[in-house]
C-alpha atoms as a PDB file:
ATOM      1  CA  MET A   1       5.727  11.741 -13.559  1.00  0.00           C
ATOM      2  CA  LYS A   2       4.879  10.165 -10.217  1.00  0.00           C
ATOM      3  CA  PHE A   3       5.357   6.516  -9.246  1.00  0.00           C
ATOM      4  CA  ALA A   4       4.637   4.419  -6.163  1.00  0.00           C
ATOM      5  CA  LEU A   5       4.743   1.023  -4.487  1.00  0.00           C
ATOM      6  CA  ILE A   6       1.320  -0.308  -3.491  1.00  0.00           C
ATOM      7  CA  GLY A   7       0.719  -3.152  -1.061  1.00  0.00           C
ATOM      8  CA  HIS A   8       0.226  -3.882   2.631  1.00  0.00           C
ATOM      9  CA  PRO A   9       2.385  -3.410   4.560  1.00  0.00           C
ATOM     10  CA  VAL A  10       4.994  -1.385   2.658  1.00  0.00           C
ATOM     11  CA  ALA A  11       6.574   0.640   5.474  1.00  0.00           C
ATOM     12  CA  GLY A  12      10.330   0.207   5.488  1.00  0.00           C
ATOM     13  CA  SER A  13      10.553  -0.678   1.793  1.00  0.00           C
ATOM     14  CA  LEU A  14      13.838   0.248   0.128  1.00  0.00           C
ATOM     15  CA  SER A  15      12.082   1.086  -3.145  1.00  0.00           C
ATOM     16  CA  PRO A  16      11.891   4.893  -2.692  1.00  0.00           C
ATOM     17  CA  ARG A  17      15.605   5.084  -1.877  1.00  0.00           C
ATOM     18  CA  LEU A  18      16.469   2.840  -4.819  1.00  0.00           C
ATOM     19  CA  PHE A  19      14.361   4.923  -7.177  1.00  0.00           C
ATOM     20  CA  ALA A  20      15.860   8.192  -5.937  1.00  0.00           C
ATOM     21  CA  ALA A  21      19.356   6.806  -6.472  1.00  0.00           C
ATOM     22  CA  ALA A  22      18.441   5.441  -9.896  1.00  0.00           C
ATOM     23  CA  TYR A  23      17.549   8.892 -11.255  1.00  0.00           C
ATOM     24  CA  ASP A  24      19.247  11.314  -8.844  1.00  0.00           C
ATOM     25  CA  GLY A  25      15.869  12.283  -7.398  1.00  0.00           C
ATOM     26  CA  ARG A  26      14.415  13.578 -10.675  1.00  0.00           C
ATOM     27  CA  TYR A  27      11.163  11.610 -10.301  1.00  0.00           C
ATOM     28  CA  THR A  28       8.754  11.156  -7.389  1.00  0.00           C
ATOM     29  CA  TYR A  29       8.301   7.687  -5.888  1.00  0.00           C
ATOM     30  CA  GLU A  30       5.994   7.123  -2.900  1.00  0.00           C
ATOM     31  CA  LEU A  31       4.834   4.318  -0.643  1.00  0.00           C
ATOM     32  CA  ALA A  32       1.067   3.744  -0.877  1.00  0.00           C
ATOM     33  CA  ASP A  33      -0.094   1.414   1.898  1.00  0.00           C
ATOM     34  CA  PHE A  34      -3.667   0.140   1.575  1.00  0.00           C
ATOM     35  CA  GLU A  35      -5.411  -2.836   3.147  1.00  0.00           C
ATOM     36  CA  SER A  36      -7.920  -2.852   0.272  1.00  0.00           C
ATOM     37  CA  PHE A  37      -6.828  -3.526  -3.304  1.00  0.00           C
ATOM     38  CA  GLU A  38      -9.684  -1.420  -4.632  1.00  0.00           C
ATOM     39  CA  ASP A  39      -8.448   1.589  -2.656  1.00  0.00           C
ATOM     40  CA  ALA A  40      -4.884   0.965  -3.829  1.00  0.00           C
ATOM     41  CA  TRP A  41      -5.958   0.669  -7.457  1.00  0.00           C
ATOM     42  CA  GLN A  42      -7.973   3.883  -7.283  1.00  0.00           C
ATOM     43  CA  ALA A  43      -4.951   5.683  -5.844  1.00  0.00           C
ATOM     44  CA  PHE A  44      -2.941   4.464  -8.835  1.00  0.00           C
ATOM     45  CA  LEU A  45      -5.571   5.664 -11.314  1.00  0.00           C
ATOM     46  CA  ASP A  46      -5.821   9.057  -9.627  1.00  0.00           C
ATOM     47  CA  ASN A  47      -2.208   9.827  -8.818  1.00  0.00           C
ATOM     48  CA  TYR A  48       0.473   7.776 -10.555  1.00  0.00           C
ATOM     49  CA  GLN A  49       1.894   7.055 -13.989  1.00  0.00           C
ATOM     50  CA  GLY A  50       3.112   3.671 -12.837  1.00  0.00           C
ATOM     51  CA  ILE A  51       3.247   1.477  -9.757  1.00  0.00           C
ATOM     52  CA  ASN A  52       5.172  -1.420  -8.363  1.00  0.00           C
ATOM     53  CA  VAL A  53       2.857  -3.976  -6.786  1.00  0.00           C
ATOM     54  CA  THR A  54       3.775  -6.088  -3.783  1.00  0.00           C
ATOM     55  CA  ALA A  55       1.939  -8.542  -1.522  1.00  0.00           C
ATOM     56  CA  PRO A  56      -0.925  -9.144  -1.258  1.00  0.00           C
ATOM     57  CA  PHE A  57      -2.020  -7.504  -4.531  1.00  0.00           C
ATOM     58  CA  LYS A  58       0.027  -9.117  -7.329  1.00  0.00           C
ATOM     59  CA  GLN A  59      -2.731 -11.427  -8.527  1.00  0.00           C
ATOM     60  CA  ASP A  60      -5.398  -8.730  -8.129  1.00  0.00           C
ATOM     61  CA  ALA A  61      -3.359  -6.470 -10.407  1.00  0.00           C
ATOM     62  CA  PHE A  62      -2.940  -9.331 -12.880  1.00  0.00           C
ATOM     63  CA  ALA A  63      -6.724  -9.504 -13.234  1.00  0.00           C
ATOM     64  CA  ARG A  64      -7.195  -5.742 -13.604  1.00  0.00           C
ATOM     65  CA  VAL A  65      -4.757  -4.614 -16.319  1.00  0.00           C
ATOM     66  CA  ASP A  66      -5.679  -4.263 -20.010  1.00  0.00           C
ATOM     67  CA  ARG A  67      -2.545  -5.893 -21.417  1.00  0.00           C
ATOM     68  CA  LEU A  68      -0.045  -8.375 -20.022  1.00  0.00           C
ATOM     69  CA  SER A  69       3.577  -9.134 -20.829  1.00  0.00           C
ATOM     70  CA  GLU A  70       4.564 -12.699 -21.595  1.00  0.00           C
ATOM     71  CA  ASP A  71       6.374 -12.934 -18.243  1.00  0.00           C
ATOM     72  CA  ALA A  72       3.231 -11.830 -16.391  1.00  0.00           C
ATOM     73  CA  ARG A  73       1.154 -14.399 -18.276  1.00  0.00           C
ATOM     74  CA  ARG A  74       3.758 -17.027 -17.493  1.00  0.00           C
ATOM     75  CA  CYS A  75       3.475 -16.590 -13.732  1.00  0.00           C
ATOM     76  CA  GLY A  76      -0.091 -15.302 -13.303  1.00  0.00           C
ATOM     77  CA  ALA A  77       1.020 -12.313 -11.213  1.00  0.00           C
ATOM     78  CA  VAL A  78       1.898  -8.669 -11.861  1.00  0.00           C
ATOM     79  CA  ASN A  79       4.434  -6.587  -9.932  1.00  0.00           C
ATOM     80  CA  LEU A  80       4.576  -3.543 -12.200  1.00  0.00           C
ATOM     81  CA  VAL A  81       1.770  -1.562 -13.840  1.00  0.00           C
ATOM     82  CA  ILE A  82       2.090   1.369 -16.247  1.00  0.00           C
ATOM     83  CA  LYS A  83      -0.435   3.664 -17.895  1.00  0.00           C
ATOM     84  CA  GLN A  84       0.153   3.640 -21.653  1.00  0.00           C
ATOM     85  CA  ALA A  85      -1.630   5.206 -24.611  1.00  0.00           C
ATOM     86  CA  ASP A  86      -3.442   1.958 -25.444  1.00  0.00           C
ATOM     87  CA  GLY A  87      -4.400   1.026 -21.876  1.00  0.00           C
ATOM     88  CA  ILE A  88      -2.921  -0.206 -18.621  1.00  0.00           C
ATOM     89  CA  TYR A  89       0.021  -2.573 -19.058  1.00  0.00           C
ATOM     90  CA  GLY A  90       1.142  -5.142 -16.489  1.00  0.00           C
ATOM     91  CA  THR A  91       4.353  -7.131 -16.309  1.00  0.00           C
ATOM     92  CA  ASN A  92       6.442  -9.066 -13.811  1.00  0.00           C
ATOM     93  CA  THR A  93      10.069  -8.050 -13.388  1.00  0.00           C
ATOM     94  CA  ASP A  94      10.563 -10.534 -10.533  1.00  0.00           C
ATOM     95  CA  ILE A  95      11.240 -13.171 -13.176  1.00  0.00           C
ATOM     96  CA  SER A  96      14.128 -11.321 -14.803  1.00  0.00           C
ATOM     97  CA  GLY A  97      15.341 -10.296 -11.334  1.00  0.00           C
ATOM     98  CA  ILE A  98      15.580 -13.911 -10.205  1.00  0.00           C
ATOM     99  CA  VAL A  99      17.291 -15.044 -13.394  1.00  0.00           C
ATOM    100  CA  ALA A 100      19.869 -12.236 -13.189  1.00  0.00           C
ATOM    101  CA  ALA A 101      20.565 -12.882  -9.487  1.00  0.00           C
ATOM    102  CA  VAL A 102      21.137 -16.599 -10.064  1.00  0.00           C
ATOM    103  CA  GLN A 103      23.265 -16.053 -13.149  1.00  0.00           C
ATOM    104  CA  GLU A 104      25.504 -13.653 -11.186  1.00  0.00           C
ATOM    105  CA  SER A 105      26.675 -16.641  -9.160  1.00  0.00           C
ATOM    106  CA  GLY A 106      28.213 -18.181 -12.258  1.00  0.00           C
ATOM    107  CA  ILE A 107      27.107 -21.636 -11.089  1.00  0.00           C
ATOM    108  CA  PRO A 108      25.134 -23.724 -13.599  1.00  0.00           C
ATOM    109  CA  VAL A 109      21.704 -24.873 -12.398  1.00  0.00           C
ATOM    110  CA  SER A 110      19.320 -27.431 -13.851  1.00  0.00           C
ATOM    111  CA  ASP A 111      17.038 -28.694 -11.065  1.00  0.00           C
ATOM    112  CA  ALA A 112      15.091 -26.167  -8.985  1.00  0.00           C
ATOM    113  CA  LEU A 113      13.128 -26.526  -5.774  1.00  0.00           C
ATOM    114  CA  VAL A 114      10.733 -23.616  -5.195  1.00  0.00           C
ATOM    115  CA  VAL A 115       9.783 -23.354  -1.522  1.00  0.00           C
ATOM    116  CA  GLY A 116       6.458 -21.614  -0.905  1.00  0.00           C
ATOM    117  CA  THR A 117       3.182 -21.209  -2.743  1.00  0.00           C
ATOM    118  CA  GLY A 118       2.515 -17.443  -2.778  1.00  0.00           C
ATOM    119  CA  GLY A 119       2.961 -14.778  -5.446  1.00  0.00           C
ATOM    120  CA  ALA A 120       6.762 -14.819  -5.213  1.00  0.00           C
ATOM    121  CA  ALA A 121       6.713 -18.586  -5.721  1.00  0.00           C
ATOM    122  CA  ARG A 122       4.828 -18.147  -8.995  1.00  0.00           C
ATOM    123  CA  ALA A 123       7.567 -15.826 -10.264  1.00  0.00           C
ATOM    124  CA  ALA A 124      10.224 -18.231  -8.980  1.00  0.00           C
ATOM    125  CA  ILE A 125       8.715 -21.153 -10.892  1.00  0.00           C
ATOM    126  CA  ALA A 126       8.504 -19.079 -14.066  1.00  0.00           C
ATOM    127  CA  ALA A 127      12.118 -17.911 -13.636  1.00  0.00           C
ATOM    128  CA  ALA A 128      13.381 -21.451 -13.053  1.00  0.00           C
ATOM    129  CA  ARG A 129      11.602 -22.546 -16.221  1.00  0.00           C
ATOM    130  CA  LYS A 130      13.210 -19.657 -18.086  1.00  0.00           C
ATOM    131  CA  MET A 131      16.584 -21.046 -16.982  1.00  0.00           C
ATOM    132  CA  ASP A 132      15.555 -24.447 -18.404  1.00  0.00           C
ATOM    133  CA  CYS A 133      15.395 -26.052 -14.962  1.00  0.00           C
ATOM    134  CA  LYS A 134      13.323 -29.025 -13.931  1.00  0.00           C
ATOM    135  CA  VAL A 135      11.007 -27.569 -11.267  1.00  0.00           C
ATOM    136  CA  THR A 136       9.460 -28.922  -8.071  1.00  0.00           C
ATOM    137  CA  VAL A 137       7.310 -26.732  -5.823  1.00  0.00           C
ATOM    138  CA  ALA A 138       7.045 -27.460  -2.086  1.00  0.00           C
ATOM    139  CA  GLY A 139       4.604 -26.058   0.445  1.00  0.00           C
ATOM    140  CA  ARG A 140       2.629 -26.786   3.602  1.00  0.00           C
ATOM    141  CA  SER A 141      -0.805 -26.873   1.994  1.00  0.00           C
ATOM    142  CA  GLU A 142      -1.475 -29.844  -0.265  1.00  0.00           C
ATOM    143  CA  GLU A 143      -4.241 -27.898  -1.981  1.00  0.00           C
ATOM    144  CA  LYS A 144      -1.975 -24.942  -2.816  1.00  0.00           C
ATOM    145  CA  VAL A 145       0.909 -27.178  -3.910  1.00  0.00           C
ATOM    146  CA  GLN A 146      -1.341 -29.151  -6.228  1.00  0.00           C
ATOM    147  CA  ALA A 147      -2.862 -25.967  -7.652  1.00  0.00           C
ATOM    148  CA  LEU A 148       0.557 -24.498  -8.485  1.00  0.00           C
ATOM    149  CA  ALA A 149       1.931 -27.762  -9.826  1.00  0.00           C
ATOM    150  CA  SER A 150      -1.104 -28.111 -12.063  1.00  0.00           C
ATOM    151  CA  ALA A 151      -0.976 -24.483 -13.231  1.00  0.00           C
ATOM    152  CA  PHE A 152       2.691 -24.710 -14.211  1.00  0.00           C
ATOM    153  CA  GLY A 153       2.895 -28.373 -15.186  1.00  0.00           C
ATOM    154  CA  CYS A 154       5.632 -29.082 -12.649  1.00  0.00           C
ATOM    155  CA  ASP A 155       6.109 -31.511  -9.768  1.00  0.00           C
ATOM    156  CA  GLY A 156       4.773 -30.724  -6.318  1.00  0.00           C
ATOM    157  CA  VAL A 157       5.539 -32.092  -2.842  1.00  0.00           C
ATOM    158  CA  LEU A 158       4.664 -31.230   0.732  1.00  0.00           C
ATOM    159  CA  LEU A 159       7.478 -29.542   2.673  1.00  0.00           C
ATOM    160  CA  GLY A 160       8.000 -32.643   4.780  1.00  0.00           C
ATOM    161  CA  GLU A 161       8.984 -34.561   1.636  1.00  0.00           C
ATOM    162  CA  ALA A 162      11.363 -31.934   0.214  1.00  0.00           C
ATOM    163  CA  ALA A 163      14.414 -33.214   2.126  1.00  0.00           C
ATOM    164  CA  THR A 164      14.500 -36.309  -0.083  1.00  0.00           C
ATOM    165  CA  LEU A 165      15.099 -34.266  -3.241  1.00  0.00           C
ATOM    166  CA  ARG A 166      18.486 -33.269  -4.703  1.00  0.00           C
ATOM    167  CA  PRO A 167      18.065 -29.869  -6.380  1.00  0.00           C
ATOM    168  CA  ASN A 168      21.014 -27.701  -7.368  1.00  0.00           C
ATOM    169  CA  LEU A 169      18.913 -24.523  -6.985  1.00  0.00           C
ATOM    170  CA  ILE A 170      16.566 -23.610  -4.131  1.00  0.00           C
ATOM    171  CA  LEU A 171      14.358 -20.545  -4.573  1.00  0.00           C
ATOM    172  CA  TYR A 172      13.091 -19.865  -1.052  1.00  0.00           C
ATOM    173  CA  THR A 173      10.020 -17.626  -0.881  1.00  0.00           C
ATOM    174  CA  LEU A 174       8.711 -18.265   2.646  1.00  0.00           C
ATOM    175  CA  PRO A 175       8.538 -15.221   4.969  1.00  0.00           C
ATOM    176  CA  GLY A 176      11.212 -14.808   7.618  1.00  0.00           C
ATOM    177  CA  THR A 177       8.627 -15.472  10.333  1.00  0.00           C
ATOM    178  CA  ALA A 178       7.910 -18.995   9.043  1.00  0.00           C
ATOM    179  CA  PRO A 179       9.734 -21.973  10.584  1.00  0.00           C
ATOM    180  CA  VAL A 180      12.594 -23.152   8.386  1.00  0.00           C
ATOM    181  CA  PRO A 181      11.800 -26.636   7.058  1.00  0.00           C
ATOM    182  CA  ASP A 182      14.282 -29.460   6.576  1.00  0.00           C
ATOM    183  CA  LEU A 183      15.622 -28.825   3.073  1.00  0.00           C
ATOM    184  CA  PRO A 184      18.343 -30.412   0.890  1.00  0.00           C
ATOM    185  CA  PHE A 185      20.763 -27.478   1.011  1.00  0.00           C
ATOM    186  CA  ALA A 186      24.063 -29.311   0.562  1.00  0.00           C
ATOM    187  CA  SER A 187      24.396 -29.280  -3.222  1.00  0.00           C
ATOM    188  CA  ALA A 188      22.240 -26.234  -3.946  1.00  0.00           C
ATOM    189  CA  VAL A 189      22.599 -22.573  -4.762  1.00  0.00           C
ATOM    190  CA  VAL A 190      20.069 -20.857  -2.475  1.00  0.00           C
ATOM    191  CA  LEU A 191      18.295 -17.592  -3.334  1.00  0.00           C
ATOM    192  CA  GLU A 192      16.177 -16.267  -0.462  1.00  0.00           C
ATOM    193  CA  ALA A 193      13.443 -13.780  -1.348  1.00  0.00           C
ATOM    194  CA  GLU A 194      13.230 -12.292   2.162  1.00  0.00           C
ATOM    195  CA  TYR A 195      15.904  -9.620   2.534  1.00  0.00           C
ATOM    196  CA  LYS A 196      14.730  -7.682   5.600  1.00  0.00           C
ATOM    197  CA  HIS A 197      14.807 -10.667   7.958  1.00  0.00           C
ATOM    198  CA  PRO A 198      16.620 -13.482   6.118  1.00  0.00           C
ATOM    199  CA  VAL A 199      16.812 -16.845   7.842  1.00  0.00           C
ATOM    200  CA  LEU A 200      19.065 -18.866   5.506  1.00  0.00           C
ATOM    201  CA  THR A 201      22.288 -16.865   5.530  1.00  0.00           C
ATOM    202  CA  SER A 202      24.029 -19.658   7.456  1.00  0.00           C
ATOM    203  CA  ALA A 203      22.451 -22.533   5.535  1.00  0.00           C
ATOM    204  CA  PRO A 204      25.032 -25.244   4.652  1.00  0.00           C
ATOM    205  CA  CYS A 205      24.602 -24.695   0.911  1.00  0.00           C
ATOM    206  CA  LYS A 206      26.818 -24.419  -2.143  1.00  0.00           C
ATOM    207  CA  ALA A 207      26.243 -20.660  -2.411  1.00  0.00           C
ATOM    208  CA  TYR A 208      23.843 -18.239  -0.704  1.00  0.00           C
ATOM    209  CA  LEU A 209      22.310 -15.414  -2.758  1.00  0.00           C
ATOM    210  CA  SER A 210      20.683 -12.521  -0.921  1.00  0.00           C
ATOM    211  CA  GLY A 211      17.206 -11.374  -1.853  1.00  0.00           C
ATOM    212  CA  LEU A 212      18.746  -7.912  -2.170  1.00  0.00           C
ATOM    213  CA  ARG A 213      20.210  -8.996  -5.525  1.00  0.00           C
ATOM    214  CA  TRP A 214      16.755 -10.142  -6.650  1.00  0.00           C
ATOM    215  CA  LEU A 215      15.360  -6.785  -5.491  1.00  0.00           C
ATOM    216  CA  LEU A 216      18.081  -4.833  -7.273  1.00  0.00           C
ATOM    217  CA  HIS A 217      17.740  -6.566 -10.629  1.00  0.00           C
ATOM    218  CA  GLN A 218      13.937  -6.534 -10.707  1.00  0.00           C
ATOM    219  CA  ALA A 219      13.918  -2.856  -9.675  1.00  0.00           C
ATOM    220  CA  ALA A 220      16.380  -1.813 -12.369  1.00  0.00           C
ATOM    221  CA  ALA A 221      14.329  -3.583 -15.046  1.00  0.00           C
ATOM    222  CA  GLY A 222      11.115  -2.012 -13.767  1.00  0.00           C
ATOM    223  CA  TYR A 223      12.399   1.509 -13.434  1.00  0.00           C
ATOM    224  CA  GLU A 224      13.518   1.578 -17.051  1.00  0.00           C
ATOM    225  CA  LEU A 225      10.009   0.509 -18.080  1.00  0.00           C
ATOM    226  CA  PHE A 226       8.558   3.330 -15.973  1.00  0.00           C
ATOM    227  CA  THR A 227      10.680   6.157 -17.359  1.00  0.00           C
ATOM    228  CA  GLY A 228      12.126   4.967 -20.652  1.00  0.00           C
ATOM    229  CA  GLU A 229      15.555   5.814 -19.206  1.00  0.00           C
ATOM    230  CA  ALA A 230      18.153   3.334 -18.015  1.00  0.00           C
ATOM    231  CA  PRO A 231      18.633   3.808 -14.253  1.00  0.00           C
ATOM    232  CA  SER A 232      22.031   4.044 -12.591  1.00  0.00           C
ATOM    233  CA  PHE A 233      22.565   0.435 -11.537  1.00  0.00           C
ATOM    234  CA  GLU A 234      25.765   1.290  -9.653  1.00  0.00           C
ATOM    235  CA  LYS A 235      24.063   3.978  -7.547  1.00  0.00           C
ATOM    236  CA  MET A 236      21.187   1.615  -6.790  1.00  0.00           C
ATOM    237  CA  ALA A 237      23.640  -1.064  -5.711  1.00  0.00           C
ATOM    238  CA  LYS A 238      25.347   1.396  -3.346  1.00  0.00           C
ATOM    239  CA  VAL A 239      22.006   2.030  -1.606  1.00  0.00           C
ATOM    240  CA  LEU A 240      21.732  -1.684  -0.877  1.00  0.00           C
END
């Protein structure tokens, strides 16, 4: 069986190393970098039993699969696709990855601020809901904020207004290249999606959670779906 990560760009991804550690190199896992989703999807159909999907293709994959998990339906995005006997199945392990990373902190949360409006933000909103949090989404574009707030039935504010809130969980999904907005860090657990170039490691927050924990938990859940075998979580953690 062969597996891959599709997206653009994917160079430098830790996924192949994580997958090799998970199964002691018994399965093949490749990086498949395509600017076009159609080219990426055809590569999946031709070459792979399953794929992880990263930006900018998560919503494209959502629209293309035959069957969806409840988590994928909940967030409107797919980050894992598998060929099965009854068709192509799509799910989203980012949700369980976020929940597991937050729960590792041992700090109760009830009020979440999701910063950003992209594919990762959709998973973050769904994960916060799964943890029974009140959710507010914040972004730069009023149109995108309103669209997400409407889709998920949550509150939405522009980033300039976020500092007035008092969340106890911040799920930060902006890229590391984006300017850091004024956010209400003081009483919040902060989980930052960006792990290659994090910008919030020194934020004056209650607890900082690295995106590497999100990556680790979502990868472990996904790899077991790929192979039907539980991966070695401890070996994956050592890679990180």
